[in-house]
Amino acid sequence: MYFPMEFPRCPICRCADTICRHACADEPSIPKGTFVSLDKVFTPIQDLNKITTPTVKGILLHFDICARCGTRYCTKAEIISVPVTIQHRSGSEIKGLGALR
């Protein structure tokens, strides 16, 4: 399998029009050709306890709703890296991150 994977048609009725594509079609602030979707879900594919870089790799799934039959379906799957945000309590040290100070 190769990423990104796009699913341009509804798996039920084969319609290519989605709610978000339809709503954003004439929006001047969104450049033509920009991929749009109603919902996005990120799932890490790395062990979060073993991350040694300031980013984590994961799968970003885009979801939208068919404009014809109303089916919610995945419209795109892609591998991305996102920055890791580290939160700690005041005064406590996070193991393994002493070099980042």
PDB file of N, CA and C in Angstrom:
ATOM      1  N   MET A   1       0.825  -1.186   0.000  1.00  0.00           N
ATOM      2  CA  MET A   1       0.000   0.000   0.000  1.00  0.00           C
ATOM      3  C   MET A   1       0.871   1.251   0.000  1.00  0.00           C
ATOM      4  N   TYR A   2       0.396   2.238  -0.673  1.00  0.00           N
ATOM      5  CA  TYR A   2       1.114   3.492  -0.756  1.00  0.00           C
ATOM      6  C   TYR A   2       0.253   4.610  -0.186  1.00  0.00           C
ATOM      7  N   PHE A   3       0.909   5.544   0.498  1.00  0.00           N
ATOM      8  CA  PHE A   3       0.214   6.696   1.057  1.00  0.00           C
ATOM      9  C   PHE A   3       0.660   7.949   0.345  1.00  0.00           C
ATOM     10  N   PRO A   4      -0.186   8.937   0.186  1.00  0.00           N
ATOM     11  CA  PRO A   4      -1.561   8.999   0.669  1.00  0.00           C
ATOM     12  C   PRO A   4      -2.511   8.150  -0.184  1.00  0.00           C
ATOM     13  N   MET A   5      -3.565   7.693   0.469  1.00  0.00           N
ATOM     14  CA  MET A   5      -4.619   6.942  -0.214  1.00  0.00           C
ATOM     15  C   MET A   5      -5.874   7.821  -0.219  1.00  0.00           C
ATOM     16  N   GLU A   6      -6.468   8.007  -1.382  1.00  0.00           N
ATOM     17  CA  GLU A   6      -7.696   8.800  -1.470  1.00  0.00           C
ATOM     18  C   GLU A   6      -8.842   7.918  -1.908  1.00  0.00           C
ATOM     19  N   PHE A   7     -10.000   8.203  -1.346  1.00  0.00           N
ATOM     20  CA  PHE A   7     -11.231   7.486  -1.661  1.00  0.00           C
ATOM     21  C   PHE A   7     -12.233   8.524  -2.156  1.00  0.00           C
ATOM     22  N   PRO A   8     -12.219   8.824  -3.460  1.00  0.00           N
ATOM     23  CA  PRO A   8     -12.989   9.942  -4.001  1.00  0.00           C
ATOM     24  C   PRO A   8     -14.491   9.706  -4.114  1.00  0.00           C
ATOM     25  N   ARG A   9     -14.949   8.464  -3.956  1.00  0.00           N
ATOM     26  CA  ARG A   9     -16.375   8.176  -4.124  1.00  0.00           C
ATOM     27  C   ARG A   9     -16.939   7.460  -2.904  1.00  0.00           C
ATOM     28  N   CYS A  10     -18.202   7.710  -2.644  1.00  0.00           N
ATOM     29  CA  CYS A  10     -18.910   7.051  -1.558  1.00  0.00           C
ATOM     30  C   CYS A  10     -18.912   5.541  -1.803  1.00  0.00           C
ATOM     31  N   PRO A  11     -18.601   4.731  -0.780  1.00  0.00           N
ATOM     32  CA  PRO A  11     -18.596   3.281  -0.978  1.00  0.00           C
ATOM     33  C   PRO A  11     -19.997   2.685  -1.147  1.00  0.00           C
ATOM     34  N   ILE A  12     -21.030   3.450  -0.830  1.00  0.00           N
ATOM     35  CA  ILE A  12     -22.403   2.948  -0.932  1.00  0.00           C
ATOM     36  C   ILE A  12     -23.041   3.309  -2.280  1.00  0.00           C
ATOM     37  N   CYS A  13     -23.073   4.614  -2.591  1.00  0.00           N
ATOM     38  CA  CYS A  13     -23.784   5.044  -3.808  1.00  0.00           C
ATOM     39  C   CYS A  13     -22.860   5.511  -4.938  1.00  0.00           C
ATOM     40  N   ARG A  14     -21.531   5.553  -4.675  1.00  0.00           N
ATOM     41  CA  ARG A  14     -20.514   5.936  -5.663  1.00  0.00           C
ATOM     42  C   ARG A  14     -20.539   7.427  -6.051  1.00  0.00           C
ATOM     43  N   CYS A  15     -21.250   8.231  -5.295  1.00  0.00           N
ATOM     44  CA  CYS A  15     -21.292   9.673  -5.543  1.00  0.00           C
ATOM     45  C   CYS A  15     -19.930  10.278  -5.167  1.00  0.00           C
ATOM     46  N   ALA A  16     -19.462  11.252  -5.941  1.00  0.00           N
ATOM     47  CA  ALA A  16     -18.175  11.898  -5.674  1.00  0.00           C
ATOM     48  C   ALA A  16     -18.317  13.179  -4.860  1.00  0.00           C
ATOM     49  N   ASP A  17     -19.531  13.639  -4.646  1.00  0.00           N
ATOM     50  CA  ASP A  17     -19.761  14.898  -3.939  1.00  0.00           C
ATOM     51  C   ASP A  17     -19.921  14.645  -2.444  1.00  0.00           C
ATOM     52  N   THR A  18     -19.206  15.430  -1.632  1.00  0.00           N
ATOM     53  CA  THR A  18     -19.343  15.335  -0.180  1.00  0.00           C
ATOM     54  C   THR A  18     -19.836  16.667   0.371  1.00  0.00           C
ATOM     55  N   ILE A  19     -20.302  16.640   1.601  1.00  0.00           N
ATOM     56  CA  ILE A  19     -20.817  17.850   2.246  1.00  0.00           C
ATOM     57  C   ILE A  19     -19.746  18.929   2.300  1.00  0.00           C
ATOM     58  N   CYS A  20     -18.553  18.585   2.735  1.00  0.00           N
ATOM     59  CA  CYS A  20     -17.495  19.583   2.868  1.00  0.00           C
ATOM     60  C   CYS A  20     -17.020  20.104   1.511  1.00  0.00           C
ATOM     61  N   ARG A  21     -16.840  19.229   0.545  1.00  0.00           N
ATOM     62  CA  ARG A  21     -16.438  19.685  -0.797  1.00  0.00           C
ATOM     63  C   ARG A  21     -17.474  20.633  -1.379  1.00  0.00           C
ATOM     64  N   HIS A  22     -18.725  20.292  -1.195  1.00  0.00           N
ATOM     65  CA  HIS A  22     -19.818  21.127  -1.713  1.00  0.00           C
ATOM     66  C   HIS A  22     -19.840  22.483  -0.999  1.00  0.00           C
ATOM     67  N   ALA A  23     -19.704  22.464   0.325  1.00  0.00           N
ATOM     68  CA  ALA A  23     -19.753  23.704   1.106  1.00  0.00           C
ATOM     69  C   ALA A  23     -18.552  24.614   0.833  1.00  0.00           C
ATOM     70  N   CYS A  24     -17.395  24.023   0.561  1.00  0.00           N
ATOM     71  CA  CYS A  24     -16.169  24.809   0.365  1.00  0.00           C
ATOM     72  C   CYS A  24     -15.874  25.144  -1.098  1.00  0.00           C
ATOM     73  N   ALA A  25     -16.703  24.689  -2.004  1.00  0.00           N
ATOM     74  CA  ALA A  25     -16.431  24.851  -3.440  1.00  0.00           C
ATOM     75  C   ALA A  25     -16.238  26.305  -3.851  1.00  0.00           C
ATOM     76  N   ASP A  26     -17.019  27.210  -3.311  1.00  0.00           N
ATOM     77  CA  ASP A  26     -16.943  28.617  -3.710  1.00  0.00           C
ATOM     78  C   ASP A  26     -16.349  29.508  -2.627  1.00  0.00           C
ATOM     79  N   GLU A  27     -15.675  28.916  -1.671  1.00  0.00           N
ATOM     80  CA  GLU A  27     -15.073  29.692  -0.583  1.00  0.00           C
ATOM     81  C   GLU A  27     -13.754  30.301  -1.064  1.00  0.00           C
ATOM     82  N   PRO A  28     -13.694  31.639  -1.147  1.00  0.00           N
ATOM     83  CA  PRO A  28     -12.489  32.285  -1.689  1.00  0.00           C
ATOM     84  C   PRO A  28     -11.239  32.123  -0.818  1.00  0.00           C
ATOM     85  N   SER A  29     -11.400  31.848   0.476  1.00  0.00           N
ATOM     86  CA  SER A  29     -10.228  31.725   1.350  1.00  0.00           C
ATOM     87  C   SER A  29      -9.553  30.354   1.236  1.00  0.00           C
ATOM     88  N   ILE A  30     -10.192  29.404   0.540  1.00  0.00           N
ATOM     89  CA  ILE A  30      -9.610  28.071   0.356  1.00  0.00           C
ATOM     90  C   ILE A  30      -9.130  27.964  -1.091  1.00  0.00           C
ATOM     91  N   PRO A  31      -7.816  27.820  -1.299  1.00  0.00           N
ATOM     92  CA  PRO A  31      -7.292  27.735  -2.672  1.00  0.00           C
ATOM     93  C   PRO A  31      -7.860  26.527  -3.416  1.00  0.00           C
ATOM     94  N   LYS A  32      -8.098  26.694  -4.707  1.00  0.00           N
ATOM     95  CA  LYS A  32      -8.584  25.593  -5.546  1.00  0.00           C
ATOM     96  C   LYS A  32      -7.611  24.425  -5.459  1.00  0.00           C
ATOM     97  N   GLY A  33      -8.136  23.213  -5.376  1.00  0.00           N
ATOM     98  CA  GLY A  33      -7.308  22.025  -5.299  1.00  0.00           C
ATOM     99  C   GLY A  33      -6.937  21.604  -3.883  1.00  0.00           C
ATOM    100  N   THR A  34      -7.302  22.402  -2.880  1.00  0.00           N
ATOM    101  CA  THR A  34      -7.018  22.053  -1.489  1.00  0.00           C
ATOM    102  C   THR A  34      -7.946  20.922  -1.054  1.00  0.00           C
ATOM    103  N   PHE A  35      -7.380  19.892  -0.414  1.00  0.00           N
ATOM    104  CA  PHE A  35      -8.196  18.773   0.061  1.00  0.00           C
ATOM    105  C   PHE A  35      -8.908  19.208   1.331  1.00  0.00           C
ATOM    106  N   VAL A  36     -10.235  19.078   1.344  1.00  0.00           N
ATOM    107  CA  VAL A  36     -11.034  19.461   2.509  1.00  0.00           C
ATOM    108  C   VAL A  36     -11.828  18.259   3.008  1.00  0.00           C
ATOM    109  N   SER A  37     -12.068  18.228   4.316  1.00  0.00           N
ATOM    110  CA  SER A  37     -12.877  17.163   4.919  1.00  0.00           C
ATOM    111  C   SER A  37     -13.514  17.693   6.197  1.00  0.00           C
ATOM    112  N   LEU A  38     -14.599  17.046   6.615  1.00  0.00           N
ATOM    113  CA  LEU A  38     -15.325  17.495   7.806  1.00  0.00           C
ATOM    114  C   LEU A  38     -14.630  17.130   9.108  1.00  0.00           C
ATOM    115  N   ASP A  39     -13.950  15.994   9.135  1.00  0.00           N
ATOM    116  CA  ASP A  39     -13.380  15.489  10.376  1.00  0.00           C
ATOM    117  C   ASP A  39     -12.041  14.828  10.098  1.00  0.00           C
ATOM    118  N   LYS A  40     -11.138  14.925  11.064  1.00  0.00           N
ATOM    119  CA  LYS A  40      -9.821  14.304  10.933  1.00  0.00           C
ATOM    120  C   LYS A  40      -9.507  13.553  12.222  1.00  0.00           C
ATOM    121  N   VAL A  41      -8.921  12.373  12.089  1.00  0.00           N
ATOM    122  CA  VAL A  41      -8.519  11.563  13.244  1.00  0.00           C
ATOM    123  C   VAL A  41      -7.053  11.180  13.055  1.00  0.00           C
ATOM    124  N   PHE A  42      -6.228  11.460  14.081  1.00  0.00           N
ATOM    125  CA  PHE A  42      -4.808  11.119  14.041  1.00  0.00           C
ATOM    126  C   PHE A  42      -4.552   9.960  14.989  1.00  0.00           C
ATOM    127  N   THR A  43      -3.882   8.928  14.489  1.00  0.00           N
ATOM    128  CA  THR A  43      -3.522   7.769  15.300  1.00  0.00           C
ATOM    129  C   THR A  43      -2.018   7.568  15.220  1.00  0.00           C
ATOM    130  N   PRO A  44      -1.306   7.677  16.341  1.00  0.00           N
ATOM    131  CA  PRO A  44       0.145   7.464  16.319  1.00  0.00           C
ATOM    132  C   PRO A  44       0.476   6.032  15.901  1.00  0.00           C
ATOM    133  N   ILE A  45       1.551   5.876  15.132  1.00  0.00           N
ATOM    134  CA  ILE A  45       2.011   4.542  14.750  1.00  0.00           C
ATOM    135  C   ILE A  45       3.383   4.256  15.349  1.00  0.00           C
ATOM    136  N   GLN A  46       3.795   5.084  16.296  1.00  0.00           N
ATOM    137  CA  GLN A  46       5.039   4.878  17.025  1.00  0.00           C
ATOM    138  C   GLN A  46       4.691   4.629  18.495  1.00  0.00           C
ATOM    139  N   ASP A  47       5.554   3.925  19.202  1.00  0.00           N
ATOM    140  CA  ASP A  47       5.378   3.735  20.634  1.00  0.00           C
ATOM    141  C   ASP A  47       5.664   5.074  21.311  1.00  0.00           C
ATOM    142  N   LEU A  48       4.651   5.677  21.896  1.00  0.00           N
ATOM    143  CA  LEU A  48       4.803   7.009  22.486  1.00  0.00           C
ATOM    144  C   LEU A  48       5.787   7.027  23.651  1.00  0.00           C
ATOM    145  N   ASN A  49       6.042   5.870  24.264  1.00  0.00           N
ATOM    146  CA  ASN A  49       6.994   5.790  25.367  1.00  0.00           C
ATOM    147  C   ASN A  49       8.435   5.714  24.882  1.00  0.00           C
ATOM    148  N   LYS A  50       8.641   5.546  23.571  1.00  0.00           N
ATOM    149  CA  LYS A  50       9.989   5.390  23.029  1.00  0.00           C
ATOM    150  C   LYS A  50      10.343   6.467  22.006  1.00  0.00           C
ATOM    151  N   ILE A  51       9.641   7.569  22.021  1.00  0.00           N
ATOM    152  CA  ILE A  51       9.911   8.643  21.066  1.00  0.00           C
ATOM    153  C   ILE A  51      11.161   9.397  21.496  1.00  0.00           C
ATOM    154  N   THR A  52      12.115   9.533  20.584  1.00  0.00           N
ATOM    155  CA  THR A  52      13.360  10.243  20.886  1.00  0.00           C
ATOM    156  C   THR A  52      13.482  11.525  20.068  1.00  0.00           C
ATOM    157  N   THR A  53      12.515  11.800  19.219  1.00  0.00           N
ATOM    158  CA  THR A  53      12.533  13.010  18.402  1.00  0.00           C
ATOM    159  C   THR A  53      11.396  13.925  18.839  1.00  0.00           C
ATOM    160  N   PRO A  54      11.442  15.190  18.449  1.00  0.00           N
ATOM    161  CA  PRO A  54      10.362  16.111  18.843  1.00  0.00           C
ATOM    162  C   PRO A  54       9.084  15.941  18.008  1.00  0.00           C
ATOM    163  N   THR A  55       9.019  14.884  17.193  1.00  0.00           N
ATOM    164  CA  THR A  55       7.818  14.632  16.400  1.00  0.00           C
ATOM    165  C   THR A  55       7.390  13.180  16.560  1.00  0.00           C
ATOM    166  N   VAL A  56       6.117  12.930  16.272  1.00  0.00           N
ATOM    167  CA  VAL A  56       5.595  11.566  16.290  1.00  0.00           C
ATOM    168  C   VAL A  56       4.945  11.299  14.938  1.00  0.00           C
ATOM    169  N   LYS A  57       5.189  10.115  14.418  1.00  0.00           N
ATOM    170  CA  LYS A  57       4.657   9.703  13.124  1.00  0.00           C
ATOM    171  C   LYS A  57       3.308   9.015  13.342  1.00  0.00           C
ATOM    172  N   GLY A  58       2.359   9.282  12.435  1.00  0.00           N
ATOM    173  CA  GLY A  58       1.052   8.662  12.583  1.00  0.00           C
ATOM    174  C   GLY A  58       0.244   8.692  11.306  1.00  0.00           C
ATOM    175  N   ILE A  59      -0.926   8.078  11.378  1.00  0.00           N
ATOM    176  CA  ILE A  59      -1.855   8.048  10.254  1.00  0.00           C
ATOM    177  C   ILE A  59      -2.922   9.112  10.492  1.00  0.00           C
ATOM    178  N   LEU A  60      -3.122   9.970   9.512  1.00  0.00           N
ATOM    179  CA  LEU A  60      -4.182  10.968   9.571  1.00  0.00           C
ATOM    180  C   LEU A  60      -5.302  10.503   8.645  1.00  0.00           C
ATOM    181  N   LEU A  61      -6.456  10.246   9.224  1.00  0.00           N
ATOM    182  CA  LEU A  61      -7.625   9.828   8.454  1.00  0.00           C
ATOM    183  C   LEU A  61      -8.575  11.003   8.319  1.00  0.00           C
ATOM    184  N   HIS A  62      -9.022  11.257   7.094  1.00  0.00           N
ATOM    185  CA  HIS A  62      -9.991  12.316   6.817  1.00  0.00           C
ATOM    186  C   HIS A  62     -11.355  11.659   6.607  1.00  0.00           C
ATOM    187  N   PHE A  63     -12.388  12.234   7.185  1.00  0.00           N
ATOM    188  CA  PHE A  63     -13.745  11.722   7.020  1.00  0.00           C
ATOM    189  C   PHE A  63     -14.653  12.814   6.491  1.00  0.00           C
ATOM    190  N   ASP A  64     -15.647  12.406   5.698  1.00  0.00           N
ATOM    191  CA  ASP A  64     -16.646  13.337   5.185  1.00  0.00           C
ATOM    192  C   ASP A  64     -17.967  12.588   5.042  1.00  0.00           C
ATOM    193  N   ILE A  65     -18.996  13.304   4.646  1.00  0.00           N
ATOM    194  CA  ILE A  65     -20.333  12.722   4.504  1.00  0.00           C
ATOM    195  C   ILE A  65     -20.785  12.858   3.061  1.00  0.00           C
ATOM    196  N   CYS A  66     -21.279  11.762   2.493  1.00  0.00           N
ATOM    197  CA  CYS A  66     -21.764  11.751   1.120  1.00  0.00           C
ATOM    198  C   CYS A  66     -22.926  12.734   0.979  1.00  0.00           C
ATOM    199  N   ALA A  67     -22.870  13.562  -0.050  1.00  0.00           N
ATOM    200  CA  ALA A  67     -23.917  14.552  -0.281  1.00  0.00           C
ATOM    201  C   ALA A  67     -25.193  13.925  -0.843  1.00  0.00           C
ATOM    202  N   ARG A  68     -25.107  12.701  -1.329  1.00  0.00           N
ATOM    203  CA  ARG A  68     -26.296  12.045  -1.890  1.00  0.00           C
ATOM    204  C   ARG A  68     -27.014  11.170  -0.859  1.00  0.00           C
ATOM    205  N   CYS A  69     -26.270  10.248  -0.217  1.00  0.00           N
ATOM    206  CA  CYS A  69     -26.943   9.278   0.663  1.00  0.00           C
ATOM    207  C   CYS A  69     -26.677   9.492   2.151  1.00  0.00           C
ATOM    208  N   GLY A  70     -25.739  10.393   2.508  1.00  0.00           N
ATOM    209  CA  GLY A  70     -25.480  10.696   3.913  1.00  0.00           C
ATOM    210  C   GLY A  70     -24.538   9.747   4.627  1.00  0.00           C
ATOM    211  N   THR A  71     -23.875   8.878   3.898  1.00  0.00           N
ATOM    212  CA  THR A  71     -22.934   7.941   4.513  1.00  0.00           C
ATOM    213  C   THR A  71     -21.656   8.664   4.919  1.00  0.00           C
ATOM    214  N   ARG A  72     -21.204   8.436   6.162  1.00  0.00           N
ATOM    215  CA  ARG A  72     -19.919   8.973   6.622  1.00  0.00           C
ATOM    216  C   ARG A  72     -18.853   7.958   6.226  1.00  0.00           C
ATOM    217  N   TYR A  73     -17.813   8.429   5.554  1.00  0.00           N
ATOM    218  CA  TYR A  73     -16.766   7.502   5.123  1.00  0.00           C
ATOM    219  C   TYR A  73     -15.403   8.189   5.085  1.00  0.00           C
ATOM    220  N   CYS A  74     -14.352   7.358   5.083  1.00  0.00           N
ATOM    221  CA  CYS A  74     -12.988   7.861   5.008  1.00  0.00           C
ATOM    222  C   CYS A  74     -12.716   8.328   3.583  1.00  0.00           C
ATOM    223  N   THR A  75     -12.255   9.570   3.437  1.00  0.00           N
ATOM    224  CA  THR A  75     -11.970  10.124   2.117  1.00  0.00           C
ATOM    225  C   THR A  75     -10.478  10.158   1.794  1.00  0.00           C
ATOM    226  N   LYS A  76      -9.640  10.073   2.849  1.00  0.00           N
ATOM    227  CA  LYS A  76      -8.191  10.095   2.612  1.00  0.00           C
ATOM    228  C   LYS A  76      -7.467   9.537   3.838  1.00  0.00           C
ATOM    229  N   ALA A  77      -6.375   8.823   3.599  1.00  0.00           N
ATOM    230  CA  ALA A  77      -5.497   8.340   4.666  1.00  0.00           C
ATOM    231  C   ALA A  77      -4.073   8.714   4.279  1.00  0.00           C
ATOM    232  N   GLU A  78      -3.362   9.331   5.207  1.00  0.00           N
ATOM    233  CA  GLU A  78      -1.988   9.739   4.917  1.00  0.00           C
ATOM    234  C   GLU A  78      -1.110   9.599   6.154  1.00  0.00           C
ATOM    235  N   ILE A  79       0.175   9.410   5.915  1.00  0.00           N
ATOM    236  CA  ILE A  79       1.160   9.332   6.995  1.00  0.00           C
ATOM    237  C   ILE A  79       1.747  10.729   7.177  1.00  0.00           C
ATOM    238  N   ILE A  80       1.714  11.227   8.414  1.00  0.00           N
ATOM    239  CA  ILE A  80       2.274  12.546   8.702  1.00  0.00           C
ATOM    240  C   ILE A  80       3.092  12.483   9.989  1.00  0.00           C
ATOM    241  N   SER A  81       3.895  13.504  10.205  1.00  0.00           N
ATOM    242  CA  SER A  81       4.612  13.677  11.467  1.00  0.00           C
ATOM    243  C   SER A  81       4.108  14.961  12.104  1.00  0.00           C
ATOM    244  N   VAL A  82       3.833  14.895  13.396  1.00  0.00           N
ATOM    245  CA  VAL A  82       3.334  16.067  14.107  1.00  0.00           C
ATOM    246  C   VAL A  82       4.240  16.357  15.301  1.00  0.00           C
ATOM    247  N   PRO A  83       4.356  17.623  15.700  1.00  0.00           N
ATOM    248  CA  PRO A  83       5.190  17.962  16.854  1.00  0.00           C
ATOM    249  C   PRO A  83       4.624  17.357  18.141  1.00  0.00           C
ATOM    250  N   VAL A  84       5.516  16.923  19.009  1.00  0.00           N
ATOM    251  CA  VAL A  84       5.118  16.394  20.308  1.00  0.00           C
ATOM    252  C   VAL A  84       5.097  17.549  21.298  1.00  0.00           C
ATOM    253  N   THR A  85       4.001  17.697  22.007  1.00  0.00           N
ATOM    254  CA  THR A  85       3.891  18.713  23.044  1.00  0.00           C
ATOM    255  C   THR A  85       4.070  18.023  24.392  1.00  0.00           C
ATOM    256  N   ILE A  86       5.028  18.485  25.144  1.00  0.00           N
ATOM    257  CA  ILE A  86       5.312  17.876  26.438  1.00  0.00           C
ATOM    258  C   ILE A  86       4.811  18.808  27.521  1.00  0.00           C
ATOM    259  N   GLN A  87       3.964  18.275  28.379  1.00  0.00           N
ATOM    260  CA  GLN A  87       3.460  19.044  29.512  1.00  0.00           C
ATOM    261  C   GLN A  87       3.976  18.408  30.791  1.00  0.00           C
ATOM    262  N   HIS A  88       4.413  19.233  31.724  1.00  0.00           N
ATOM    263  CA  HIS A  88       4.887  18.704  32.998  1.00  0.00           C
ATOM    264  C   HIS A  88       4.433  19.608  34.122  1.00  0.00           C
ATOM    265  N   ARG A  89       4.429  19.041  35.313  1.00  0.00           N
ATOM    266  CA  ARG A  89       4.066  19.820  36.496  1.00  0.00           C
ATOM    267  C   ARG A  89       5.249  20.685  36.892  1.00  0.00           C
ATOM    268  N   SER A  90       4.974  21.802  37.431  1.00  0.00           N
ATOM    269  CA  SER A  90       6.028  22.727  37.859  1.00  0.00           C
ATOM    270  C   SER A  90       6.978  22.036  38.838  1.00  0.00           C
ATOM    271  N   GLY A  91       8.255  22.100  38.542  1.00  0.00           N
ATOM    272  CA  GLY A  91       9.261  21.514  39.419  1.00  0.00           C
ATOM    273  C   GLY A  91       9.603  20.076  39.153  1.00  0.00           C
ATOM    274  N   SER A  92       8.814  19.382  38.379  1.00  0.00           N
ATOM    275  CA  SER A  92       9.129  17.978  38.125  1.00  0.00           C
ATOM    276  C   SER A  92       9.942  17.860  36.829  1.00  0.00           C
ATOM    277  N   GLU A  93      10.834  16.889  36.837  1.00  0.00           N
ATOM    278  CA  GLU A  93      11.678  16.665  35.678  1.00  0.00           C
ATOM    279  C   GLU A  93      11.143  15.504  34.856  1.00  0.00           C
ATOM    280  N   ILE A  94      11.158  15.647  33.540  1.00  0.00           N
ATOM    281  CA  ILE A  94      10.711  14.586  32.653  1.00  0.00           C
ATOM    282  C   ILE A  94      11.933  13.778  32.251  1.00  0.00           C
ATOM    283  N   LYS A  95      11.904  12.475  32.535  1.00  0.00           N
ATOM    284  CA  LYS A  95      13.038  11.610  32.250  1.00  0.00           C
ATOM    285  C   LYS A  95      13.412  11.655  30.767  1.00  0.00           C
ATOM    286  N   GLY A  96      14.717  11.705  30.519  1.00  0.00           N
ATOM    287  CA  GLY A  96      15.217  11.635  29.168  1.00  0.00           C
ATOM    288  C   GLY A  96      15.191  12.946  28.399  1.00  0.00           C
ATOM    289  N   LEU A  97      14.694  14.002  29.021  1.00  0.00           N
ATOM    290  CA  LEU A  97      14.595  15.264  28.297  1.00  0.00           C
ATOM    291  C   LEU A  97      15.523  16.350  28.875  1.00  0.00           C
ATOM    292  N   GLY A  98      16.486  15.949  29.678  1.00  0.00           N
ATOM    293  CA  GLY A  98      17.399  16.914  30.264  1.00  0.00           C
ATOM    294  C   GLY A  98      18.203  17.679  29.226  1.00  0.00           C
ATOM    295  N   ALA A  99      18.489  17.039  28.088  1.00  0.00           N
ATOM    296  CA  ALA A  99      19.279  17.686  27.040  1.00  0.00           C
ATOM    297  C   ALA A  99      18.495  18.768  26.305  1.00  0.00           C
ATOM    298  N   LEU A 100      17.189  18.825  26.492  1.00  0.00           N
ATOM    299  CA  LEU A 100      16.375  19.803  25.761  1.00  0.00           C
ATOM    300  C   LEU A 100      16.291  21.141  26.461  1.00  0.00           C
ATOM    301  N   ARG A 101      16.877  21.273  27.615  1.00  0.00           N
ATOM    302  CA  ARG A 101      16.774  22.534  28.365  1.00  0.00           C
ATOM    303  C   ARG A 101      17.626  23.616  27.772  1.00  0.00           C
TER     304      ARG A 101
END
